[in-house]
Protein backbone atom coordinates (compact mmCIF):
# COMPACT_ATOMS: atom_id res chain seq x y z
CA THR A 1 27.85 -78.43 -34.61
CA VAL A 2 26.55 -75.25 -33.00
CA THR A 3 23.06 -75.58 -31.87
CA PHE A 4 21.19 -72.28 -30.98
CA LYS A 5 18.12 -73.01 -28.31
CA ALA A 6 15.40 -70.43 -27.08
CA ASP A 7 13.25 -71.86 -24.29
CA ASP A 8 14.19 -75.27 -25.29
CA VAL A 9 13.15 -74.92 -28.82
CA VAL A 10 16.06 -75.11 -31.35
CA VAL A 11 15.73 -72.06 -33.32
CA ALA A 12 19.01 -72.56 -35.29
CA THR A 13 21.69 -75.22 -36.16
CA LYS A 14 25.17 -74.64 -37.99
CA THR A 15 27.41 -77.22 -38.75
CA TYR A 16 31.05 -76.78 -39.39
CA THR A 17 34.09 -78.98 -40.66
CA VAL A 18 37.12 -77.55 -39.74
CA GLU A 19 38.32 -75.84 -36.91
CA SER A 20 39.13 -72.83 -38.34
CA ALA A 21 35.58 -71.73 -39.21
CA THR A 22 34.37 -68.97 -37.88
CA VAL A 23 30.88 -69.01 -36.00
CA GLU A 24 28.51 -66.03 -36.69
CA ALA A 25 25.15 -65.39 -34.77
CA PRO A 26 21.88 -66.41 -36.38
CA ALA A 27 19.15 -63.83 -36.24
CA GLU A 28 17.91 -62.58 -32.76
CA PRO A 29 15.22 -64.90 -31.40
CA THR A 30 12.06 -63.00 -30.58
CA ARG A 31 9.76 -63.74 -27.29
CA GLU A 32 6.44 -62.16 -26.55
CA GLY A 33 7.15 -59.70 -23.63
CA TYR A 34 10.79 -60.38 -23.67
CA LYS A 35 13.88 -58.61 -24.87
CA PHE A 36 17.06 -61.02 -26.12
CA VAL A 37 20.17 -60.17 -24.31
CA ALA A 38 22.89 -62.26 -25.34
CA TRP A 39 23.71 -66.19 -26.38
CA LYS A 40 25.05 -67.72 -23.37
CA ASP A 41 27.22 -71.30 -23.24
CA ALA A 42 26.96 -74.13 -21.07
CA ASP A 43 28.88 -72.18 -18.29
CA GLY A 44 26.21 -69.21 -18.29
CA ASN A 45 28.94 -67.23 -19.99
CA ALA A 46 27.91 -64.61 -22.71
CA VAL A 47 29.10 -65.49 -26.15
CA THR A 48 31.02 -62.87 -28.73
CA PHE A 49 30.38 -63.36 -31.94
CA PRO A 50 32.02 -64.37 -34.26
CA PHE A 51 34.69 -66.89 -32.68
CA GLU A 52 36.72 -69.86 -33.59
CA MET A 53 34.63 -72.95 -34.04
CA PRO A 54 36.22 -75.19 -31.50
CA ALA A 55 36.50 -79.18 -32.04
CA LYS A 56 33.14 -79.98 -30.43
CA ASP A 57 29.83 -79.22 -30.88
CA VAL A 58 28.67 -76.45 -28.91
CA ALA A 59 25.19 -75.64 -27.49
CA LEU A 60 24.00 -72.19 -26.76
CA LYS A 61 21.03 -71.17 -24.96
CA ALA A 62 19.07 -67.40 -25.58
CA GLU A 63 19.07 -65.43 -21.98
CA TRP A 64 15.94 -63.27 -21.84
CA LYS A 65 15.18 -60.25 -19.96
CA LEU A 66 11.37 -59.12 -19.05
CA GLU A 67 10.03 -56.16 -21.06
CA THR A 68 9.85 -53.35 -18.66
CA TYR A 69 6.98 -50.40 -19.50
CA THR A 70 6.08 -47.00 -18.01
CA LEU A 71 2.37 -46.12 -17.72
CA THR A 72 1.70 -42.63 -17.51
CA PHE A 73 -1.53 -40.88 -16.73
CA ALA A 74 -2.86 -37.37 -18.28
CA GLU A 75 -5.69 -35.14 -17.75
CA THR A 76 -6.14 -36.37 -14.20
CA GLY A 77 -8.13 -33.31 -12.97
CA ASP A 78 -7.71 -32.84 -9.33
CA SER A 79 -5.86 -36.16 -8.58
CA THR A 80 -2.22 -36.91 -8.95
CA ILE A 81 -1.11 -40.30 -10.29
CA ALA A 82 2.14 -41.46 -10.19
CA ASP A 83 3.45 -43.00 -13.12
CA ILE A 84 3.62 -46.99 -13.04
CA ILE A 85 6.65 -49.39 -14.22
CA VAL A 86 5.49 -52.62 -15.00
CA ASN A 87 6.90 -55.66 -16.43
CA TYR A 88 5.52 -58.05 -18.85
CA GLY A 89 3.11 -60.12 -16.73
CA ASP A 90 2.78 -58.04 -14.05
CA THR A 91 -0.53 -57.37 -12.53
CA ILE A 92 -1.81 -53.86 -11.11
CA GLU A 93 -4.64 -52.81 -9.62
CA ALA A 94 -7.68 -50.78 -11.50
CA VAL A 95 -6.59 -46.75 -11.25
CA THR A 96 -9.86 -45.35 -10.22
CA GLY A 97 -11.38 -42.56 -7.77
CA LEU A 98 -10.38 -39.80 -9.77
CA THR A 99 -11.94 -36.09 -9.29
CA LYS A 100 -12.05 -32.95 -10.66
CA VAL A 101 -14.38 -30.21 -9.90
CA GLY A 102 -17.51 -30.04 -11.79
CA HIS A 103 -17.11 -33.41 -13.69
CA VAL A 104 -17.25 -36.91 -13.06
CA PHE A 105 -14.37 -39.46 -14.13
CA ALA A 106 -15.75 -41.36 -17.30
CA GLY A 107 -13.10 -43.68 -17.99
CA TRP A 108 -9.90 -43.86 -19.69
CA ASP A 109 -9.48 -43.55 -23.55
CA VAL A 110 -8.26 -46.90 -23.63
CA THR A 111 -8.64 -48.95 -20.49
CA PRO A 112 -5.33 -49.75 -18.78
CA PRO A 113 -4.43 -53.27 -18.45
CA THR A 114 -4.92 -54.77 -14.99
CA THR A 115 -2.48 -57.75 -16.27
CA ILE A 116 0.02 -56.35 -18.50
CA GLY A 117 0.94 -57.83 -21.60
CA ASP A 118 2.65 -56.99 -24.64
CA LEU A 119 3.12 -53.07 -24.88
CA GLY A 120 5.36 -52.52 -27.53
CA GLU A 121 9.12 -52.02 -27.41
CA ASN A 122 11.29 -52.99 -24.20
CA GLY A 123 11.39 -49.30 -22.38
CA ALA A 124 8.20 -47.85 -23.91
CA VAL A 125 6.23 -45.09 -22.42
CA ILE A 126 2.45 -45.80 -22.39
CA THR A 127 -0.26 -42.59 -21.75
CA TYR A 128 -3.60 -43.05 -21.06
CA THR A 129 -5.82 -39.93 -20.95
CA ALA A 130 -8.70 -39.50 -18.53
CA GLN A 131 -12.16 -38.77 -19.72
CA TRP A 132 -14.54 -36.47 -18.26
CA THR A 133 -18.57 -35.69 -18.29
CA LYS A 134 -19.44 -32.40 -17.05
CA GLU A 135 -21.66 -31.99 -14.34
CA THR A 136 -25.19 -30.35 -14.19
CA TYR A 137 -26.14 -27.89 -11.74
CA THR A 138 -29.56 -26.21 -11.07
CA LEU A 139 -30.28 -22.18 -10.42
CA LYS A 140 -33.11 -21.14 -8.50
CA PHE A 141 -34.40 -17.64 -8.56
CA ALA A 142 -36.11 -16.38 -5.30
CA ASN A 143 -37.51 -13.08 -4.36
CA THR A 144 -38.98 -12.62 -7.78
CA GLY A 145 -42.03 -10.38 -7.03
CA ASP A 146 -44.73 -10.66 -9.45
CA THR A 147 -42.99 -12.45 -11.83
CA VAL A 148 -42.42 -16.49 -11.71
CA ILE A 149 -39.06 -17.70 -12.92
CA GLU A 150 -38.52 -21.43 -13.70
CA PRO A 151 -35.11 -23.13 -12.27
CA ILE A 152 -32.41 -23.22 -15.13
CA THR A 153 -30.43 -26.51 -15.24
CA GLN A 154 -26.94 -26.20 -17.04
CA ASP A 155 -23.78 -27.72 -17.54
CA PHE A 156 -20.67 -26.89 -15.14
CA GLY A 157 -18.61 -24.09 -16.37
CA THR A 158 -21.31 -22.64 -19.34
CA GLU A 159 -22.21 -19.06 -19.16
CA ILE A 160 -25.54 -18.68 -16.87
CA ALA A 161 -27.99 -17.85 -19.10
CA LYS A 162 -29.79 -14.98 -16.84
CA PRO A 163 -33.20 -14.71 -17.21
CA ALA A 164 -35.51 -11.60 -18.25
CA ASP A 165 -35.61 -8.71 -15.09
CA PRO A 166 -38.76 -9.73 -12.58
CA VAL A 167 -41.09 -6.98 -11.96
CA LYS A 168 -42.65 -6.16 -8.67
CA GLU A 169 -45.80 -3.64 -8.26
CA GLY A 170 -44.22 -0.57 -6.50
CA TYR A 171 -40.73 -1.72 -6.87
CA THR A 172 -37.59 -1.19 -9.14
CA PHE A 173 -35.68 -4.33 -10.00
CA THR A 174 -31.91 -3.55 -9.12
CA GLY A 175 -30.10 -6.91 -9.66
CA TRP A 176 -29.57 -10.35 -8.83
CA GLU A 177 -27.68 -10.86 -5.63
CA GLY A 178 -24.36 -12.67 -6.12
CA TYR A 179 -24.70 -12.86 -9.75
CA THR A 180 -21.55 -10.69 -11.85
CA ASP A 181 -22.11 -10.63 -15.65
CA GLY A 182 -20.55 -13.16 -17.54
CA MET A 183 -20.66 -15.83 -14.63
CA THR A 184 -20.23 -19.25 -15.18
CA MET A 185 -22.15 -22.24 -14.07
CA PRO A 186 -20.61 -23.13 -10.38
CA ALA A 187 -20.02 -26.64 -9.43
CA GLU A 188 -23.29 -26.38 -6.96
CA ASN A 189 -26.96 -25.81 -7.05
CA LYS A 190 -27.43 -21.90 -6.30
CA THR A 191 -30.19 -19.58 -5.78
CA PHE A 192 -30.11 -16.04 -6.53
CA THR A 193 -32.22 -13.51 -5.09
CA ALA A 194 -33.95 -10.51 -6.30
CA ALA A 195 -33.07 -7.48 -5.22
CA TRP A 196 -35.17 -4.16 -4.76
CA THR A 197 -35.45 -0.77 -4.25
CA VAL A 198 -38.76 0.63 -3.48
CA ASN A 199 -40.09 3.27 -5.58
CA GLU A 200 -41.24 6.71 -4.39
CA TYR A 201 -44.16 8.63 -5.49
CA THR A 202 -45.30 12.37 -5.41
CA VAL A 203 -48.62 13.46 -3.89
CA THR A 204 -49.64 16.86 -5.11
CA TRP A 205 -52.18 18.89 -2.44
CA ASP A 206 -54.39 21.60 -4.30
CA VAL A 207 -56.01 23.78 -1.43
CA ASP A 208 -57.91 26.79 -3.11
CA GLY A 209 -55.41 26.95 -5.78
CA ALA A 210 -52.18 26.40 -3.50
CA THR A 211 -50.54 23.55 -3.99
CA THR A 212 -48.27 21.61 -1.83
CA GLU A 213 -46.18 18.00 -2.70
CA GLU A 214 -45.29 15.47 -0.51
CA THR A 215 -43.16 12.67 -1.47
CA TYR A 216 -44.01 8.87 -0.22
CA ALA A 217 -42.30 5.36 -0.61
CA TYR A 218 -44.64 2.54 -2.26
CA GLY A 219 -47.20 1.44 0.51
CA ALA A 220 -46.53 4.04 3.18
CA ALA A 221 -49.05 5.21 5.31
């Protein structure tokens, strides 16, 4: 009789009545988290199948190898996270502390385990993808003359919704300092200051039909 044991549990027996009989391997046993390596005899030698049945009972024991997996991490922003090679049953620390300009880390698409269970076939590569939410920031507008412009709050990276041009008596608005067309929301609160040029006006003097003109900047004495 040939007895096949896996973890001290008999998974198969085969009985032969003649020495000339040939012993074939049974179906490979399975065990969660382990890969079957070979059947070994009482001396610890791996058995090659088929073999001729000896004139005695034979007990064979399954040898196992812990399954190994590779954990990889994608979309990690400004953080670099090395691959982690783990065995079934290992424990690992939670992967946290990721950073990305203008974003808040919101976890993983699938939470990586802290205790490694059965993650698939031996040698499997499992990828976990970081999830992010955009930060919001506030724009303020200064030196806006006679116009009140409320602050604007927007998500990082979105195109800035420029307000209507402000007005100021005696001045012409020339733009916002620090702003360029198509500019997107930076990863910080920001203040844009209105720039102005003073208007000039012409005064015409008429003395007995003779006229003269003088130009003055608004507010000038």
